[in-house]
Amino acid sequence: MFAPQVHEYLRTFFHETNCEIESDEGYMLTVQLTIDIDKKIMNRPFYWQYIETTGSPPNPARLTLITDRSKIDNPFMGEIIHFGSRRLNQIFKATKELGAFVQMYEKVQQAENGNRSTLTPYLCVNYKISYYCDQTKEKMYSLGINLVNGNIHDDFHESVCNLNLTNEPTENIYCLPYIIKPHRGLERLDEMIQSIVQNDDHSWAQEAKMRWEKEQEVLDYFYEGVEEKPESYEIEKKALEERFNPRIKVEIINGGLFYLKS
């Protein structure tokens, strides 16, 4: 997720959550948060507890977020935000809570012959794959499956971003019933994401194990000749395992059922 993608994501998030975007430079956003969004992403529960207990006037935060630090001279103009940063992860979490699942319909023009337009159901799931060792790498995937013919599309979120979508179907459309049930569609998307993980380059894991072995050799050197290792040795050994042991985590960020024109 590069800087322009992060910026577009933030712009969409704040627009959809009714936060006022006071300025948008393309690489820096200044936003007046609503009370609800402040509570979700600013991590100041004691402030809101005080406000609600005393009945004092609320003052939700005003944020300036820098998505591309290379385009500014003063890094203290705002908070630098990027993929993997704590603030963006808080916003991802808020997005998951607010819109874990949506059902949307493409808004289409009335056909000239008066016939209703046909919309096809798609199940979309947005995944985050995290690769952990002493370093962390994250990847985002948006997959969509056609619930009529079973075709799977990647970058699905990108394909629907510019469509005119609505929460309610209009009168001039006919929604095809799905042949593949959504739970089965989810199973197929999960199988696809597992295949992506399995076929990915896992040299990072081997490299992490090599660094782990070197650190273990250093630890063993300091305790060389000690027959009964003290508790501190076991604690440090366990810490090395937690730090270097390669692991992969797959999460579903959110998803939705989309009825789109074929």
Protein backbone atom coordinates (compact mmCIF):
# COMPACT_ATOMS: atom_id res chain seq x y z
CA MET A 1 0.00 0.00 0.00
CA PHE A 2 1.87 3.07 -1.29
CA ALA A 3 1.50 6.70 -0.19
CA PRO A 4 -1.14 7.65 -2.83
CA GLN A 5 -3.21 4.59 -1.88
CA VAL A 6 -2.97 5.45 1.82
CA HIS A 7 -4.01 9.02 1.06
CA GLU A 8 -7.00 7.92 -1.01
CA TYR A 9 -8.02 5.46 1.70
CA LEU A 10 -7.90 8.18 4.36
CA ARG A 11 -9.84 10.60 2.18
CA THR A 12 -12.56 7.99 1.64
CA PHE A 13 -12.63 6.98 5.30
CA PHE A 14 -13.08 10.51 6.60
CA HIS A 15 -15.62 11.37 3.93
CA GLU A 16 -17.70 8.28 4.66
CA THR A 17 -17.58 8.89 8.43
CA ASN A 18 -18.71 12.54 8.07
CA CYS A 19 -15.46 14.05 9.30
CA GLU A 20 -14.83 17.50 7.81
CA ILE A 21 -11.77 17.54 5.54
CA GLU A 22 -10.49 21.09 6.02
CA SER A 23 -7.63 20.79 3.55
CA ASP A 24 -6.36 18.16 1.13
CA GLU A 25 -2.98 18.74 -0.50
CA GLY A 26 -2.75 15.29 -2.05
CA TYR A 27 0.05 14.36 0.36
CA MET A 28 -1.36 15.88 3.56
CA LEU A 29 -4.87 15.93 5.04
CA THR A 30 -6.24 18.18 7.78
CA VAL A 31 -9.41 16.74 9.27
CA GLN A 32 -11.83 17.71 12.02
CA LEU A 33 -12.92 14.46 13.63
CA THR A 34 -16.41 13.69 14.82
CA ILE A 35 -16.92 12.57 18.40
CA ASP A 36 -17.47 8.97 17.34
CA ILE A 37 -14.32 8.78 15.20
CA ASP A 38 -12.24 10.53 17.88
CA LYS A 39 -13.29 7.80 20.32
CA LYS A 40 -12.34 5.09 17.83
CA ILE A 41 -8.91 6.26 16.63
CA MET A 42 -7.46 8.74 19.16
CA ASN A 43 -7.11 6.38 22.12
CA ARG A 44 -8.09 8.80 24.88
CA PRO A 45 -10.82 7.00 26.86
CA PHE A 46 -10.14 8.94 30.08
CA TYR A 47 -10.83 12.25 28.33
CA TRP A 48 -14.19 11.05 27.04
CA GLN A 49 -15.04 9.49 30.37
CA TYR A 50 -14.41 12.87 32.02
CA ILE A 51 -16.48 14.72 29.40
CA GLU A 52 -19.41 12.33 29.75
CA THR A 53 -19.23 12.32 33.56
CA THR A 54 -19.05 16.10 33.98
CA GLY A 55 -21.22 17.06 31.02
CA SER A 56 -18.48 19.38 29.71
CA PRO A 57 -18.55 20.50 26.04
CA PRO A 58 -16.76 17.89 23.89
CA ASN A 59 -13.77 18.89 21.82
CA PRO A 60 -12.98 16.16 19.27
CA ALA A 61 -9.48 16.24 17.84
CA ARG A 62 -8.33 17.98 14.70
CA LEU A 63 -5.72 15.93 12.81
CA THR A 64 -3.14 16.77 10.18
CA LEU A 65 -1.91 13.57 8.56
CA ILE A 66 1.10 13.48 6.24
CA THR A 67 1.00 10.62 3.76
CA ASP A 68 4.12 11.57 1.75
CA ARG A 69 6.88 13.11 3.88
CA SER A 70 9.13 13.62 0.83
CA LYS A 71 6.87 16.51 -0.27
CA ILE A 72 7.15 18.56 2.93
CA ASP A 73 10.03 20.54 4.44
CA ASN A 74 8.89 20.43 8.06
CA PRO A 75 8.01 16.93 9.35
CA PHE A 76 6.46 18.51 12.45
CA MET A 77 3.61 19.99 10.41
CA GLY A 78 1.56 16.93 11.24
CA GLU A 79 1.56 13.22 11.98
CA ILE A 80 3.32 11.03 9.43
CA ILE A 81 1.12 8.09 8.53
CA HIS A 82 2.02 5.10 6.37
CA PHE A 83 1.11 1.47 5.85
CA GLY A 84 1.97 -0.36 9.07
CA SER A 85 1.85 2.75 11.25
CA ARG A 86 -0.10 2.64 14.49
CA ARG A 87 -2.56 5.34 13.45
CA LEU A 88 -3.40 3.65 10.16
CA ASN A 89 -3.91 0.36 11.97
CA GLN A 90 -6.34 2.15 14.31
CA ILE A 91 -8.23 3.44 11.27
CA PHE A 92 -8.26 -0.06 9.75
CA LYS A 93 -9.73 -1.33 13.02
CA ALA A 94 -12.36 1.42 13.02
CA THR A 95 -13.23 0.61 9.40
CA LYS A 96 -13.64 -3.03 10.33
CA GLU A 97 -15.95 -2.14 13.21
CA LEU A 98 -18.01 0.34 11.20
CA GLY A 99 -18.26 -1.56 7.97
CA ALA A 100 -17.33 -5.18 8.50
CA PHE A 101 -19.91 -6.15 5.90
CA VAL A 102 -21.89 -4.10 3.38
CA GLN A 103 -24.47 -4.85 0.72
CA MET A 104 -24.37 -2.45 -2.21
CA TYR A 105 -26.06 -2.11 -5.59
CA GLU A 106 -24.72 -0.46 -8.72
CA LYS A 107 -26.89 2.44 -9.78
CA VAL A 108 -27.57 2.17 -13.51
CA GLN A 109 -29.41 4.27 -16.07
CA GLN A 110 -32.91 3.29 -17.14
CA ALA A 111 -32.69 1.24 -20.35
CA GLU A 112 -34.08 3.00 -23.43
CA ASN A 113 -36.45 0.10 -24.16
CA GLY A 114 -37.80 0.28 -20.63
CA ASN A 115 -36.45 -3.13 -19.64
CA ARG A 116 -34.89 -3.58 -16.25
CA SER A 117 -31.10 -3.86 -16.03
CA THR A 118 -29.70 -7.10 -14.64
CA LEU A 119 -27.21 -7.02 -11.75
CA THR A 120 -24.89 -9.91 -10.89
CA PRO A 121 -23.97 -10.74 -7.27
CA TYR A 122 -20.31 -10.66 -6.22
CA LEU A 123 -18.84 -11.48 -2.84
CA CYS A 124 -15.86 -9.27 -2.01
CA VAL A 125 -13.40 -9.97 0.82
CA ASN A 126 -10.47 -7.73 1.73
CA TYR A 127 -7.60 -9.64 3.34
CA LYS A 128 -4.46 -8.57 5.19
CA ILE A 129 -1.51 -10.97 5.23
CA SER A 130 1.12 -10.25 7.88
CA TYR A 131 4.58 -11.83 7.82
CA TYR A 132 6.21 -11.73 11.24
CA CYS A 133 9.76 -12.33 12.49
CA ASP A 134 12.22 -9.72 13.81
CA GLN A 135 10.85 -7.66 10.93
CA THR A 136 7.24 -7.22 9.80
CA LYS A 137 5.77 -7.09 6.32
CA GLU A 138 2.09 -6.70 5.44
CA LYS A 139 0.20 -7.13 2.18
CA MET A 140 -3.39 -6.32 1.26
CA TYR A 141 -5.49 -8.34 -1.16
CA SER A 142 -9.01 -7.61 -2.36
CA LEU A 143 -10.68 -10.63 -3.94
CA GLY A 144 -14.15 -10.88 -5.44
CA ILE A 145 -16.02 -13.93 -6.63
CA ASN A 146 -18.91 -13.91 -9.09
CA LEU A 147 -21.63 -15.86 -7.28
CA VAL A 148 -23.20 -16.92 -10.57
CA ASN A 149 -20.27 -18.36 -12.55
CA GLY A 150 -17.58 -18.65 -9.87
CA ASN A 151 -14.97 -16.45 -11.56
CA ILE A 152 -12.56 -14.84 -9.09
CA HIS A 153 -11.21 -11.32 -9.61
CA ASP A 154 -8.28 -9.70 -7.83
CA ASP A 155 -8.04 -5.98 -7.00
CA PHE A 156 -11.81 -6.10 -6.65
CA HIS A 157 -11.98 -3.08 -4.35
CA GLU A 158 -10.18 -0.96 -6.95
CA SER A 159 -12.69 -2.02 -9.62
CA VAL A 160 -15.73 -0.87 -7.64
CA CYS A 161 -14.30 2.34 -6.16
CA ASN A 162 -15.40 4.48 -9.10
CA LEU A 163 -18.82 2.88 -9.53
CA ASN A 164 -22.00 4.64 -8.51
CA LEU A 165 -23.17 2.44 -5.65
CA THR A 166 -26.20 2.70 -3.41
CA ASN A 167 -27.42 0.92 -0.28
CA GLU A 168 -30.82 0.19 -1.77
CA PRO A 169 -31.69 -1.32 -5.16
CA THR A 170 -33.41 1.01 -7.60
CA GLU A 171 -36.71 0.12 -9.23
CA ASN A 172 -35.26 -0.39 -12.70
CA ILE A 173 -33.01 -3.33 -11.85
CA TYR A 174 -33.29 -7.09 -11.46
CA CYS A 175 -30.83 -8.82 -9.11
CA LEU A 176 -29.83 -12.28 -10.28
CA PRO A 177 -30.10 -14.89 -7.52
CA TYR A 178 -26.72 -16.32 -6.62
CA ILE A 179 -25.96 -19.91 -7.61
CA ILE A 180 -22.92 -20.15 -5.35
CA LYS A 181 -23.96 -19.47 -1.77
CA PRO A 182 -21.95 -16.72 -0.03
CA HIS A 183 -20.46 -19.08 2.59
CA ARG A 184 -19.18 -21.33 -0.21
CA GLY A 185 -17.86 -18.27 -2.04
CA LEU A 186 -15.97 -17.30 1.12
CA GLU A 187 -14.47 -20.79 1.30
CA ARG A 188 -13.22 -20.46 -2.28
CA LEU A 189 -11.70 -17.04 -1.59
CA ASP A 190 -10.02 -18.43 1.52
CA GLU A 191 -8.57 -21.23 -0.61
CA MET A 192 -7.29 -18.62 -3.06
CA ILE A 193 -5.61 -16.55 -0.35
CA GLN A 194 -4.00 -19.68 1.12
CA SER A 195 -2.65 -20.50 -2.35
CA ILE A 196 -1.23 -16.97 -2.61
CA VAL A 197 0.54 -17.41 0.73
CA GLN A 198 1.92 -20.84 -0.19
CA ASN A 199 3.27 -19.61 -3.54
CA ASP A 200 4.82 -16.46 -2.12
CA ASP A 201 8.59 -16.03 -1.66
CA HIS A 202 9.43 -17.37 1.81
CA SER A 203 13.16 -16.67 1.75
CA TRP A 204 12.51 -14.12 4.51
CA ALA A 205 11.67 -16.99 6.87
CA GLN A 206 14.93 -18.81 6.17
CA GLU A 207 16.86 -15.58 6.62
CA ALA A 208 15.11 -14.98 9.94
CA LYS A 209 16.03 -18.49 11.12
CA MET A 210 19.66 -17.85 10.19
CA ARG A 211 19.67 -14.63 12.25
CA TRP A 212 18.00 -16.56 15.07
CA GLU A 213 20.73 -19.23 15.00
CA LYS A 214 23.47 -16.58 15.14
CA GLU A 215 21.85 -14.85 18.10
CA GLN A 216 21.45 -18.23 19.82
CA GLU A 217 25.15 -18.96 19.28
CA VAL A 218 26.05 -15.66 20.95
CA LEU A 219 23.76 -16.45 23.88
CA ASP A 220 25.24 -19.95 24.25
CA TYR A 221 28.76 -18.48 24.18
CA PHE A 222 28.06 -16.38 27.29
CA TYR A 223 26.83 -19.45 29.15
CA GLU A 224 29.51 -21.80 27.83
CA GLY A 225 30.67 -24.23 30.48
CA VAL A 226 27.67 -23.67 32.71
CA GLU A 227 26.13 -27.09 33.29
CA GLU A 228 22.89 -25.92 34.85
CA LYS A 229 21.65 -22.93 32.91
CA PRO A 230 20.07 -20.23 35.10
CA GLU A 231 16.54 -18.93 34.63
CA SER A 232 17.89 -15.84 32.84
CA TYR A 233 19.22 -18.08 30.05
CA GLU A 234 15.82 -19.64 29.47
CA ILE A 235 14.16 -16.21 29.50
CA GLU A 236 16.59 -14.87 26.88
CA LYS A 237 16.26 -18.03 24.80
CA LYS A 238 12.48 -17.70 24.84
CA ALA A 239 12.76 -14.02 23.88
CA LEU A 240 14.86 -14.95 20.83
CA GLU A 241 12.24 -17.47 19.76
CA GLU A 242 9.44 -14.92 20.06
CA ARG A 243 11.49 -12.35 18.15
CA PHE A 244 12.81 -14.44 15.26
CA ASN A 245 10.35 -17.32 14.86
CA PRO A 246 8.71 -16.83 11.41
CA ARG A 247 4.92 -16.80 11.37
CA ILE A 248 2.15 -15.72 9.04
CA LYS A 249 -1.23 -14.29 9.98
CA VAL A 250 -4.16 -13.92 7.57
CA GLU A 251 -6.99 -11.59 8.59
CA ILE A 252 -10.25 -10.59 6.96
CA ILE A 253 -10.51 -6.80 7.17
CA ASN A 254 -14.01 -6.47 5.77
CA GLY A 255 -16.20 -7.61 2.92
CA GLY A 256 -19.47 -7.19 1.16
CA LEU A 257 -22.06 -8.40 -1.26
CA PHE A 258 -22.11 -6.28 -4.41
CA TYR A 259 -24.71 -6.41 -7.17
CA LEU A 260 -23.03 -5.12 -10.31
CA LYS A 261 -23.91 -4.71 -13.93
CA SER A 262 -22.25 -7.40 -16.05
